[in-house]
PDB file of N, CA and C in Angstrom:
ATOM      1  N   MET A   1     107.801 104.479  83.034  1.00  0.00           N
ATOM      2  CA  MET A   1     109.225 104.616  82.882  1.00  0.00           C
ATOM      3  C   MET A   1     109.505 105.531  81.689  1.00  0.00           C
ATOM      4  N   THR A   2     110.530 106.337  81.847  1.00  0.00           N
ATOM      5  CA  THR A   2     110.881 107.231  80.742  1.00  0.00           C
ATOM      6  C   THR A   2     111.636 106.440  79.669  1.00  0.00           C
ATOM      7  N   LYS A   3     111.627 107.005  78.474  1.00  0.00           N
ATOM      8  CA  LYS A   3     112.331 106.362  77.362  1.00  0.00           C
ATOM      9  C   LYS A   3     113.819 106.227  77.664  1.00  0.00           C
ATOM     10  N   ASP A   4     114.409 107.275  78.243  1.00  0.00           N
ATOM     11  CA  ASP A   4     115.830 107.215  78.608  1.00  0.00           C
ATOM     12  C   ASP A   4     116.141 106.068  79.541  1.00  0.00           C
ATOM     13  N   LEU A   5     115.266 105.869  80.550  1.00  0.00           N
ATOM     14  CA  LEU A   5     115.449 104.790  81.479  1.00  0.00           C
ATOM     15  C   LEU A   5     115.343 103.423  80.778  1.00  0.00           C
ATOM     16  N   MET A   6     114.406 103.300  79.882  1.00  0.00           N
ATOM     17  CA  MET A   6     114.215 102.042  79.130  1.00  0.00           C
ATOM     18  C   MET A   6     115.462 101.761  78.283  1.00  0.00           C
ATOM     19  N   VAL A   7     116.025 102.771  77.614  1.00  0.00           N
ATOM     20  CA  VAL A   7     117.223 102.584  76.793  1.00  0.00           C
ATOM     21  C   VAL A   7     118.392 102.139  77.670  1.00  0.00           C
ATOM     22  N   TRP A   8     118.551 102.794  78.800  1.00  0.00           N
ATOM     23  CA  TRP A   8     119.636 102.454  79.718  1.00  0.00           C
ATOM     24  C   TRP A   8     119.454 101.009  80.242  1.00  0.00           C
ATOM     25  N   MET A   9     118.243 100.665  80.592  1.00  0.00           N
ATOM     26  CA  MET A   9     117.988  99.318  81.078  1.00  0.00           C
ATOM     27  C   MET A   9     118.310  98.290  80.019  1.00  0.00           C
ATOM     28  N   GLU A  10     118.010  98.573  78.771  1.00  0.00           N
ATOM     29  CA  GLU A  10     118.312  97.669  77.688  1.00  0.00           C
ATOM     30  C   GLU A  10     119.820  97.459  77.552  1.00  0.00           C
ATOM     31  N   LYS A  11     120.566  98.539  77.644  1.00  0.00           N
ATOM     32  CA  LYS A  11     122.042  98.433  77.539  1.00  0.00           C
ATOM     33  C   LYS A  11     122.590  97.592  78.704  1.00  0.00           C
ATOM     34  N   VAL A  12     122.112  97.857  79.884  1.00  0.00           N
ATOM     35  CA  VAL A  12     122.583  97.100  81.055  1.00  0.00           C
ATOM     36  C   VAL A  12     122.179  95.623  80.956  1.00  0.00           C
ATOM     37  N   ARG A  13     120.963  95.366  80.453  1.00  0.00           N
ATOM     38  CA  ARG A  13     120.508  94.000  80.274  1.00  0.00           C
ATOM     39  C   ARG A  13     121.410  93.209  79.360  1.00  0.00           C
ATOM     40  N   VAL A  14     121.718  93.776  78.214  1.00  0.00           N
ATOM     41  CA  VAL A  14     122.559  93.094  77.245  1.00  0.00           C
ATOM     42  C   VAL A  14     123.949  92.894  77.862  1.00  0.00           C
ATOM     43  N   ARG A  15     124.509  93.904  78.462  1.00  0.00           N
ATOM     44  CA  ARG A  15     125.847  93.784  79.067  1.00  0.00           C
ATOM     45  C   ARG A  15     125.876  92.734  80.176  1.00  0.00           C
ATOM     46  N   SER A  16     124.835  92.714  80.994  1.00  0.00           N
ATOM     47  CA  SER A  16     124.782  91.731  82.107  1.00  0.00           C
ATOM     48  C   SER A  16     124.709  90.314  81.569  1.00  0.00           C
ATOM     49  N   LEU A  17     123.877  90.107  80.574  1.00  0.00           N
ATOM     50  CA  LEU A  17     123.766  88.717  80.027  1.00  0.00           C
ATOM     51  C   LEU A  17     125.056  88.285  79.353  1.00  0.00           C
ATOM     52  N   VAL A  18     125.723  89.192  78.664  1.00  0.00           N
ATOM     53  CA  VAL A  18     127.003  88.855  78.017  1.00  0.00           C
ATOM     54  C   VAL A  18     128.060  88.581  79.065  1.00  0.00           C
ATOM     55  N   MET A  19     128.121  89.449  80.079  1.00  0.00           N
ATOM     56  CA  MET A  19     129.175  89.329  81.079  1.00  0.00           C
ATOM     57  C   MET A  19     128.991  88.137  82.007  1.00  0.00           C
ATOM     58  N   PHE A  20     127.776  87.920  82.490  1.00  0.00           N
ATOM     59  CA  PHE A  20     127.532  86.896  83.526  1.00  0.00           C
ATOM     60  C   PHE A  20     126.861  85.626  83.001  1.00  0.00           C
ATOM     61  N   GLY A  21     126.207  85.728  81.840  1.00  0.00           N
ATOM     62  CA  GLY A  21     125.539  84.538  81.264  1.00  0.00           C
ATOM     63  C   GLY A  21     124.110  84.408  81.745  1.00  0.00           C
ATOM     64  N   ARG A  22     123.337  83.669  80.926  1.00  0.00           N
ATOM     65  CA  ARG A  22     121.912  83.511  81.197  1.00  0.00           C
ATOM     66  C   ARG A  22     121.642  82.734  82.476  1.00  0.00           C
ATOM     67  N   ALA A  23     122.405  81.675  82.706  1.00  0.00           N
ATOM     68  CA  ALA A  23     122.166  80.853  83.885  1.00  0.00           C
ATOM     69  C   ALA A  23     122.411  81.673  85.168  1.00  0.00           C
ATOM     70  N   ALA A  24     123.525  82.371  85.223  1.00  0.00           N
ATOM     71  CA  ALA A  24     123.813  83.190  86.408  1.00  0.00           C
ATOM     72  C   ALA A  24     122.763  84.271  86.614  1.00  0.00           C
ATOM     73  N   GLN A  25     122.312  84.891  85.533  1.00  0.00           N
ATOM     74  CA  GLN A  25     121.314  85.959  85.650  1.00  0.00           C
ATOM     75  C   GLN A  25     119.953  85.374  86.052  1.00  0.00           C
ATOM     76  N   THR A  26     119.663  84.146  85.639  1.00  0.00           N
ATOM     77  CA  THR A  26     118.446  83.516  86.065  1.00  0.00           C
ATOM     78  C   THR A  26     118.462  83.239  87.582  1.00  0.00           C
ATOM     79  N   ILE A  27     119.603  82.748  88.052  1.00  0.00           N
ATOM     80  CA  ILE A  27     119.748  82.550  89.493  1.00  0.00           C
ATOM     81  C   ILE A  27     119.602  83.881  90.229  1.00  0.00           C
ATOM     82  N   LYS A  28     120.203  84.931  89.683  1.00  0.00           N
ATOM     83  CA  LYS A  28     120.103  86.259  90.301  1.00  0.00           C
ATOM     84  C   LYS A  28     118.649  86.719  90.318  1.00  0.00           C
ATOM     85  N   ALA A  29     117.918  86.420  89.251  1.00  0.00           N
ATOM     86  CA  ALA A  29     116.502  86.802  89.215  1.00  0.00           C
ATOM     87  C   ALA A  29     115.725  86.122  90.356  1.00  0.00           C
ATOM     88  N   VAL A  30     115.982  84.843  90.544  1.00  0.00           N
ATOM     89  CA  VAL A  30     115.341  84.114  91.624  1.00  0.00           C
ATOM     90  C   VAL A  30     115.627  84.778  92.954  1.00  0.00           C
ATOM     91  N   GLU A  31     116.892  85.148  93.177  1.00  0.00           N
ATOM     92  CA  GLU A  31     117.280  85.815  94.423  1.00  0.00           C
ATOM     93  C   GLU A  31     116.542  87.139  94.600  1.00  0.00           C
ATOM     94  N   GLU A  32     116.518  87.937  93.515  1.00  0.00           N
ATOM     95  CA  GLU A  32     115.885  89.267  93.621  1.00  0.00           C
ATOM     96  C   GLU A  32     114.369  89.139  93.808  1.00  0.00           C
ATOM     97  N   PHE A  33     113.730  88.196  93.132  1.00  0.00           N
ATOM     98  CA  PHE A  33     112.285  87.989  93.318  1.00  0.00           C
ATOM     99  C   PHE A  33     112.007  87.558  94.757  1.00  0.00           C
ATOM    100  N   SER A  34     112.860  86.697  95.287  1.00  0.00           N
ATOM    101  CA  SER A  34     112.696  86.240  96.682  1.00  0.00           C
ATOM    102  C   SER A  34     112.834  87.378  97.659  1.00  0.00           C
ATOM    103  N   GLU A  35     113.828  88.251  97.433  1.00  0.00           N
ATOM    104  CA  GLU A  35     114.014  89.388  98.298  1.00  0.00           C
ATOM    105  C   GLU A  35     112.832  90.341  98.243  1.00  0.00           C
ATOM    106  N   ALA A  36     112.285  90.530  97.048  1.00  0.00           N
ATOM    107  CA  ALA A  36     111.106  91.411  96.923  1.00  0.00           C
ATOM    108  C   ALA A  36     109.922  90.814  97.663  1.00  0.00           C
ATOM    109  N   CYS A  37     109.715  89.500  97.520  1.00  0.00           N
ATOM    110  CA  CYS A  37     108.640  88.830  98.266  1.00  0.00           C
ATOM    111  C   CYS A  37     108.795  89.004  99.760  1.00  0.00           C
ATOM    112  N   ALA A  38     110.016  88.783 100.220  1.00  0.00           N
ATOM    113  CA  ALA A  38     110.268  88.867 101.663  1.00  0.00           C
ATOM    114  C   ALA A  38     110.042  90.261 102.214  1.00  0.00           C
ATOM    115  N   VAL A  39     110.528  91.262 101.534  1.00  0.00           N
ATOM    116  CA  VAL A  39     110.347  92.654 102.029  1.00  0.00           C
ATOM    117  C   VAL A  39     108.899  93.080 101.976  1.00  0.00           C
ATOM    118  N   LEU A  40     108.166  92.615 100.970  1.00  0.00           N
ATOM    119  CA  LEU A  40     106.734  92.940 100.914  1.00  0.00           C
ATOM    120  C   LEU A  40     105.976  92.288 102.048  1.00  0.00           C
ATOM    121  N   ALA A  41     106.347  91.066 102.381  1.00  0.00           N
ATOM    122  CA  ALA A  41     105.696  90.356 103.521  1.00  0.00           C
ATOM    123  C   ALA A  41     106.037  91.080 104.804  1.00  0.00           C
ATOM    124  N   ARG A  42     107.283  91.450 104.984  1.00  0.00           N
ATOM    125  CA  ARG A  42     107.678  92.191 106.223  1.00  0.00           C
ATOM    126  C   ARG A  42     106.964  93.536 106.283  1.00  0.00           C
ATOM    127  N   HIS A  43     106.797  94.176 105.133  1.00  0.00           N
ATOM    128  CA  HIS A  43     106.077  95.458 105.101  1.00  0.00           C
ATOM    129  C   HIS A  43     104.622  95.290 105.578  1.00  0.00           C
ATOM    130  N   LEU A  44     103.960  94.249 105.060  1.00  0.00           N
ATOM    131  CA  LEU A  44     102.572  93.994 105.478  1.00  0.00           C
ATOM    132  C   LEU A  44     102.483  93.667 106.961  1.00  0.00           C
ATOM    133  N   LEU A  45     103.510  93.084 107.505  1.00  0.00           N
ATOM    134  CA  LEU A  45     103.533  92.772 108.943  1.00  0.00           C
ATOM    135  C   LEU A  45     103.978  93.935 109.816  1.00  0.00           C
ATOM    136  N   GLY A  46     104.271  95.070 109.161  1.00  0.00           N
ATOM    137  CA  GLY A  46     104.730  96.258 109.909  1.00  0.00           C
ATOM    138  C   GLY A  46     106.153  96.132 110.386  1.00  0.00           C
ATOM    139  N   GLN A  47     106.970  95.348 109.703  1.00  0.00           N
ATOM    140  CA  GLN A  47     108.332  95.139 110.151  1.00  0.00           C
ATOM    141  C   GLN A  47     109.366  95.848 109.288  1.00  0.00           C
ATOM    142  N   VAL A  48     108.914  96.763 108.447  1.00  0.00           N
ATOM    143  CA  VAL A  48     109.826  97.520 107.590  1.00  0.00           C
ATOM    144  C   VAL A  48     109.714  99.004 108.005  1.00  0.00           C
ATOM    145  N   ASP A  49     110.792  99.570 108.503  1.00  0.00           N
ATOM    146  CA  ASP A  49     110.787 100.943 108.925  1.00  0.00           C
ATOM    147  C   ASP A  49     111.001 101.933 107.795  1.00  0.00           C
ATOM    148  N   ASN A  50     111.711 101.482 106.756  1.00  0.00           N
ATOM    149  CA  ASN A  50     112.120 102.368 105.659  1.00  0.00           C
ATOM    150  C   ASN A  50     111.476 101.900 104.361  1.00  0.00           C
ATOM    151  N   ILE A  51     110.518 102.662 103.875  1.00  0.00           N
ATOM    152  CA  ILE A  51     109.808 102.311 102.638  1.00  0.00           C
ATOM    153  C   ILE A  51     110.753 102.249 101.444  1.00  0.00           C
ATOM    154  N   GLU A  52     111.884 102.922 101.538  1.00  0.00           N
ATOM    155  CA  GLU A  52     112.876 102.867 100.457  1.00  0.00           C
ATOM    156  C   GLU A  52     113.423 101.455 100.261  1.00  0.00           C
ATOM    157  N   GLU A  53     113.448 100.674 101.332  1.00  0.00           N
ATOM    158  CA  GLU A  53     113.888  99.288 101.237  1.00  0.00           C
ATOM    159  C   GLU A  53     112.938  98.502 100.325  1.00  0.00           C
ATOM    160  N   VAL A  54     111.638  98.760 100.472  1.00  0.00           N
ATOM    161  CA  VAL A  54     110.625  98.107  99.645  1.00  0.00           C
ATOM    162  C   VAL A  54     110.805  98.567  98.180  1.00  0.00           C
ATOM    163  N   ARG A  55     110.951  99.830  97.974  1.00  0.00           N
ATOM    164  CA  ARG A  55     111.097 100.364  96.619  1.00  0.00           C
ATOM    165  C   ARG A  55     112.331  99.790  95.928  1.00  0.00           C
ATOM    166  N   GLU A  56     113.428  99.701  96.691  1.00  0.00           N
ATOM    167  CA  GLU A  56     114.680  99.173  96.158  1.00  0.00           C
ATOM    168  C   GLU A  56     114.519  97.721  95.677  1.00  0.00           C
ATOM    169  N   GLU A  57     113.875  96.894  96.503  1.00  0.00           N
ATOM    170  CA  GLU A  57     113.694  95.477  96.138  1.00  0.00           C
ATOM    171  C   GLU A  57     112.712  95.318  94.955  1.00  0.00           C
ATOM    172  N   ILE A  58     111.708  96.179  94.890  1.00  0.00           N
ATOM    173  CA  ILE A  58     110.814  96.140  93.745  1.00  0.00           C
ATOM    174  C   ILE A  58     111.596  96.509  92.460  1.00  0.00           C
ATOM    175  N   ALA A  59     112.455  97.514  92.556  1.00  0.00           N
ATOM    176  CA  ALA A  59     113.273  97.921  91.407  1.00  0.00           C
ATOM    177  C   ALA A  59     114.199  96.775  90.961  1.00  0.00           C
ATOM    178  N   ASP A  60     114.821  96.113  91.941  1.00  0.00           N
ATOM    179  CA  ASP A  60     115.689  94.977  91.583  1.00  0.00           C
ATOM    180  C   ASP A  60     114.885  93.891  90.849  1.00  0.00           C
ATOM    181  N   ALA A  61     113.675  93.593  91.354  1.00  0.00           N
ATOM    182  CA  ALA A  61     112.832  92.570  90.739  1.00  0.00           C
ATOM    183  C   ALA A  61     112.426  92.964  89.319  1.00  0.00           C
ATOM    184  N   ILE A  62     112.109  94.247  89.122  1.00  0.00           N
ATOM    185  CA  ILE A  62     111.735  94.713  87.780  1.00  0.00           C
ATOM    186  C   ILE A  62     112.877  94.555  86.817  1.00  0.00           C
ATOM    187  N   VAL A  63     114.053  94.977  87.224  1.00  0.00           N
ATOM    188  CA  VAL A  63     115.246  94.870  86.363  1.00  0.00           C
ATOM    189  C   VAL A  63     115.447  93.405  85.953  1.00  0.00           C
ATOM    190  N   MET A  64     115.372  92.522  86.921  1.00  0.00           N
ATOM    191  CA  MET A  64     115.592  91.084  86.607  1.00  0.00           C
ATOM    192  C   MET A  64     114.431  90.505  85.791  1.00  0.00           C
ATOM    193  N   ALA A  65     113.214  90.956  86.050  1.00  0.00           N
ATOM    194  CA  ALA A  65     112.080  90.470  85.249  1.00  0.00           C
ATOM    195  C   ALA A  65     112.261  90.845  83.794  1.00  0.00           C
ATOM    196  N   LEU A  66     112.747  92.058  83.539  1.00  0.00           N
ATOM    197  CA  LEU A  66     112.974  92.478  82.157  1.00  0.00           C
ATOM    198  C   LEU A  66     114.086  91.654  81.525  1.00  0.00           C
ATOM    199  N   GLN A  67     115.113  91.303  82.304  1.00  0.00           N
ATOM    200  CA  GLN A  67     116.149  90.397  81.754  1.00  0.00           C
ATOM    201  C   GLN A  67     115.572  89.029  81.416  1.00  0.00           C
ATOM    202  N   MET A  68     114.727  88.526  82.297  1.00  0.00           N
ATOM    203  CA  MET A  68     114.125  87.216  82.083  1.00  0.00           C
ATOM    204  C   MET A  68     113.170  87.239  80.885  1.00  0.00           C
ATOM    205  N   ARG A  69     112.514  88.378  80.687  1.00  0.00           N
ATOM    206  CA  ARG A  69     111.655  88.546  79.521  1.00  0.00           C
ATOM    207  C   ARG A  69     112.476  88.311  78.244  1.00  0.00           C
ATOM    208  N   TYR A  70     113.667  88.855  78.214  1.00  0.00           N
ATOM    209  CA  TYR A  70     114.544  88.657  77.040  1.00  0.00           C
ATOM    210  C   TYR A  70     115.001  87.204  76.970  1.00  0.00           C
ATOM    211  N   VAL A  71     115.432  86.615  78.076  1.00  0.00           N
ATOM    212  CA  VAL A  71     115.949  85.261  78.081  1.00  0.00           C
ATOM    213  C   VAL A  71     114.889  84.264  77.592  1.00  0.00           C
ATOM    214  N   PHE A  72     113.646  84.441  78.014  1.00  0.00           N
ATOM    215  CA  PHE A  72     112.601  83.466  77.707  1.00  0.00           C
ATOM    216  C   PHE A  72     111.731  83.863  76.499  1.00  0.00           C
ATOM    217  N   GLY A  73     112.056  84.967  75.849  1.00  0.00           N
ATOM    218  CA  GLY A  73     111.351  85.353  74.627  1.00  0.00           C
ATOM    219  C   GLY A  73     110.439  86.513  74.880  1.00  0.00           C
ATOM    220  N   GLU A  74     110.838  87.675  74.360  1.00  0.00           N
ATOM    221  CA  GLU A  74     110.052  88.911  74.594  1.00  0.00           C
ATOM    222  C   GLU A  74     108.663  88.799  74.067  1.00  0.00           C
ATOM    223  N   ALA A  75     108.458  88.336  72.868  1.00  0.00           N
ATOM    224  CA  ALA A  75     107.137  88.267  72.254  1.00  0.00           C
ATOM    225  C   ALA A  75     106.257  87.279  73.018  1.00  0.00           C
ATOM    226  N   GLU A  76     106.852  86.138  73.392  1.00  0.00           N
ATOM    227  CA  GLU A  76     106.071  85.143  74.106  1.00  0.00           C
ATOM    228  C   GLU A  76     105.670  85.615  75.502  1.00  0.00           C
ATOM    229  N   VAL A  77     106.605  86.234  76.205  1.00  0.00           N
ATOM    230  CA  VAL A  77     106.299  86.775  77.540  1.00  0.00           C
ATOM    231  C   VAL A  77     105.267  87.879  77.418  1.00  0.00           C
ATOM    232  N   ASP A  78     105.418  88.746  76.410  1.00  0.00           N
ATOM    233  CA  ASP A  78     104.446  89.828  76.200  1.00  0.00           C
ATOM    234  C   ASP A  78     103.045  89.268  75.955  1.00  0.00           C
ATOM    235  N   GLU A  79     102.951  88.169  75.236  1.00  0.00           N
ATOM    236  CA  GLU A  79     101.654  87.533  74.990  1.00  0.00           C
ATOM    237  C   GLU A  79     101.056  87.047  76.317  1.00  0.00           C
ATOM    238  N   TRP A  80     101.864  86.472  77.184  1.00  0.00           N
ATOM    239  CA  TRP A  80     101.389  86.056  78.489  1.00  0.00           C
ATOM    240  C   TRP A  80     100.959  87.256  79.327  1.00  0.00           C
ATOM    241  N   VAL A  81     101.693  88.343  79.220  1.00  0.00           N
ATOM    242  CA  VAL A  81     101.287  89.575  79.945  1.00  0.00           C
ATOM    243  C   VAL A  81      99.918  90.018  79.459  1.00  0.00           C
ATOM    244  N   ARG A  82      99.701  90.016  78.156  1.00  0.00           N
ATOM    245  CA  ARG A  82      98.391  90.404  77.583  1.00  0.00           C
ATOM    246  C   ARG A  82      97.282  89.471  78.146  1.00  0.00           C
ATOM    247  N   ARG A  83      97.555  88.192  78.148  1.00  0.00           N
ATOM    248  CA  ARG A  83      96.559  87.230  78.629  1.00  0.00           C
ATOM    249  C   ARG A  83      96.245  87.494  80.107  1.00  0.00           C
ATOM    250  N   LYS A  84      97.287  87.712  80.914  1.00  0.00           N
ATOM    251  CA  LYS A  84      97.095  87.944  82.338  1.00  0.00           C
ATOM    252  C   LYS A  84      96.311  89.249  82.590  1.00  0.00           C
ATOM    253  N   LEU A  85      96.651  90.294  81.844  1.00  0.00           N
ATOM    254  CA  LEU A  85      95.930  91.575  82.003  1.00  0.00           C
ATOM    255  C   LEU A  85      94.455  91.413  81.575  1.00  0.00           C
ATOM    256  N   HIS A  86      94.242  90.690  80.497  1.00  0.00           N
ATOM    257  CA  HIS A  86      92.866  90.473  80.049  1.00  0.00           C
ATOM    258  C   HIS A  86      92.093  89.717  81.104  1.00  0.00           C
ATOM    259  N   ARG A  87      92.665  88.639  81.616  1.00  0.00           N
ATOM    260  CA  ARG A  87      91.990  87.827  82.629  1.00  0.00           C
ATOM    261  C   ARG A  87      91.695  88.687  83.875  1.00  0.00           C
ATOM    262  N   HIS A  88      92.648  89.501  84.282  1.00  0.00           N
ATOM    263  CA  HIS A  88      92.442  90.368  85.454  1.00  0.00           C
ATOM    264  C   HIS A  88      91.335  91.380  85.188  1.00  0.00           C
ATOM    265  N   SER A  89      91.305  91.954  83.992  1.00  0.00           N
ATOM    266  CA  SER A  89      90.277  92.899  83.609  1.00  0.00           C
ATOM    267  C   SER A  89      88.877  92.260  83.640  1.00  0.00           C
ATOM    268  N   VAL A  90      88.785  91.046  83.108  1.00  0.00           N
ATOM    269  CA  VAL A  90      87.516  90.319  83.119  1.00  0.00           C
ATOM    270  C   VAL A  90      87.062  90.065  84.537  1.00  0.00           C
ATOM    271  N   ARG A  91      87.975  89.638  85.408  1.00  0.00           N
ATOM    272  CA  ARG A  91      87.625  89.394  86.814  1.00  0.00           C
ATOM    273  C   ARG A  91      87.137  90.670  87.490  1.00  0.00           C
ATOM    274  N   MET A  92      87.799  91.794  87.235  1.00  0.00           N
ATOM    275  CA  MET A  92      87.356  93.042  87.842  1.00  0.00           C
ATOM    276  C   MET A  92      85.980  93.434  87.323  1.00  0.00           C
ATOM    277  N   ASP A  93      85.733  93.241  86.002  1.00  0.00           N
ATOM    278  CA  ASP A  93      84.413  93.505  85.464  1.00  0.00           C
ATOM    279  C   ASP A  93      83.335  92.670  86.137  1.00  0.00           C
ATOM    280  N   GLU A  94      83.649  91.379  86.351  1.00  0.00           N
ATOM    281  CA  GLU A  94      82.693  90.490  87.006  1.00  0.00           C
ATOM    282  C   GLU A  94      82.424  90.932  88.438  1.00  0.00           C
ATOM    283  N   ILE A  95      83.452  91.288  89.160  1.00  0.00           N
ATOM    284  CA  ILE A  95      83.304  91.764  90.546  1.00  0.00           C
ATOM    285  C   ILE A  95      82.464  93.040  90.580  1.00  0.00           C
ATOM    286  N   GLU A  96      82.768  93.938  89.671  1.00  0.00           N
ATOM    287  CA  GLU A  96      82.073  95.216  89.584  1.00  0.00           C
ATOM    288  C   GLU A  96      80.587  94.981  89.318  1.00  0.00           C
ATOM    289  N   GLN A  97      80.285  94.090  88.375  1.00  0.00           N
ATOM    290  CA  GLN A  97      78.875  93.784  88.068  1.00  0.00           C
ATOM    291  C   GLN A  97      78.161  93.158  89.248  1.00  0.00           C
ATOM    292  N   LYS A  98      78.861  92.289  89.952  1.00  0.00           N
ATOM    293  CA  LYS A  98      78.263  91.643  91.142  1.00  0.00           C
ATOM    294  C   LYS A  98      77.966  92.693  92.224  1.00  0.00           C
ATOM    295  N   ARG A  99      78.907  93.611  92.438  1.00  0.00           N
ATOM    296  CA  ARG A  99      78.689  94.646  93.431  1.00  0.00           C
ATOM    297  C   ARG A  99      77.542  95.567  93.069  1.00  0.00           C
ATOM    298  N   LEU A 100      77.468  95.900  91.793  1.00  0.00           N
ATOM    299  CA  LEU A 100      76.348  96.762  91.311  1.00  0.00           C
ATOM    300  C   LEU A 100      75.021  96.052  91.503  1.00  0.00           C
ATOM    301  N   ALA A 101      74.966  94.764  91.244  1.00  0.00           N
ATOM    302  CA  ALA A 101      73.768  93.989  91.447  1.00  0.00           C
ATOM    303  C   ALA A 101      73.379  93.953  92.901  1.00  0.00           C
ATOM    304  N   GLU A 102      74.357  93.812  93.764  1.00  0.00           N
ATOM    305  CA  GLU A 102      74.099  93.817  95.228  1.00  0.00           C
ATOM    306  C   GLU A 102      73.533  95.149  95.666  1.00  0.00           C
ATOM    307  N   VAL A 103      74.057  96.242  95.130  1.00  0.00           N
ATOM    308  CA  VAL A 103      73.537  97.575  95.505  1.00  0.00           C
ATOM    309  C   VAL A 103      72.104  97.711  94.988  1.00  0.00           C
ATOM    310  N   ARG A 104      71.847  97.284  93.770  1.00  0.00           N
ATOM    311  CA  ARG A 104      70.481  97.357  93.222  1.00  0.00           C
ATOM    312  C   ARG A 104      69.509  96.527  94.057  1.00  0.00           C
ATOM    313  N   ASN A 105      69.938  95.352  94.423  1.00  0.00           N
ATOM    314  CA  ASN A 105      69.075  94.503  95.250  1.00  0.00           C
ATOM    315  C   ASN A 105      68.798  95.145  96.604  1.00  0.00           C
ATOM    316  N   TYR A 106      69.783  95.773  97.191  1.00  0.00           N
ATOM    317  CA  TYR A 106      69.638  96.446  98.479  1.00  0.00           C
ATOM    318  C   TYR A 106      68.654  97.606  98.334  1.00  0.00           C
ATOM    319  N   GLU A 107      68.837  98.399  97.260  1.00  0.00           N
ATOM    320  CA  GLU A 107      67.951  99.536  97.031  1.00  0.00           C
ATOM    321  C   GLU A 107      66.524  99.143  96.780  1.00  0.00           C
ATOM    322  N   ASP A 108      66.301  97.990  96.154  1.00  0.00           N
ATOM    323  CA  ASP A 108      64.956  97.497  95.838  1.00  0.00           C
ATOM    324  C   ASP A 108      64.226  96.989  97.087  1.00  0.00           C
ATOM    325  N   GLN A 109      64.936  96.743  98.137  1.00  0.00           N
ATOM    326  CA  GLN A 109      64.289  96.186  99.369  1.00  0.00           C
ATOM    327  C   GLN A 109      63.597  97.256 100.181  1.00  0.00           C
TER     328      GLN A 109
END
């Protein structure tokens, strides 16, 4: 994301939370996350003709996720993001090592 987009998103986030309130925006987040899940499932099933529909729902979910990050604590959510990324990286390293070992075993036969 560009810096300009991030600044704009920040302004809209603050305005949305002031105008509609945290509870209403949390409900909206649930709705947007659900819509993103549904369109992704339909896409995997070959039931989405327009990829822009998928992109739009992902964008809605990102906007709401950033609002929820603020609502539930930016530093705390960021720490969870770090933990999740670390765990994912470790898992990928383990899978990669396992695959390399399998290739070596195959080559040794």
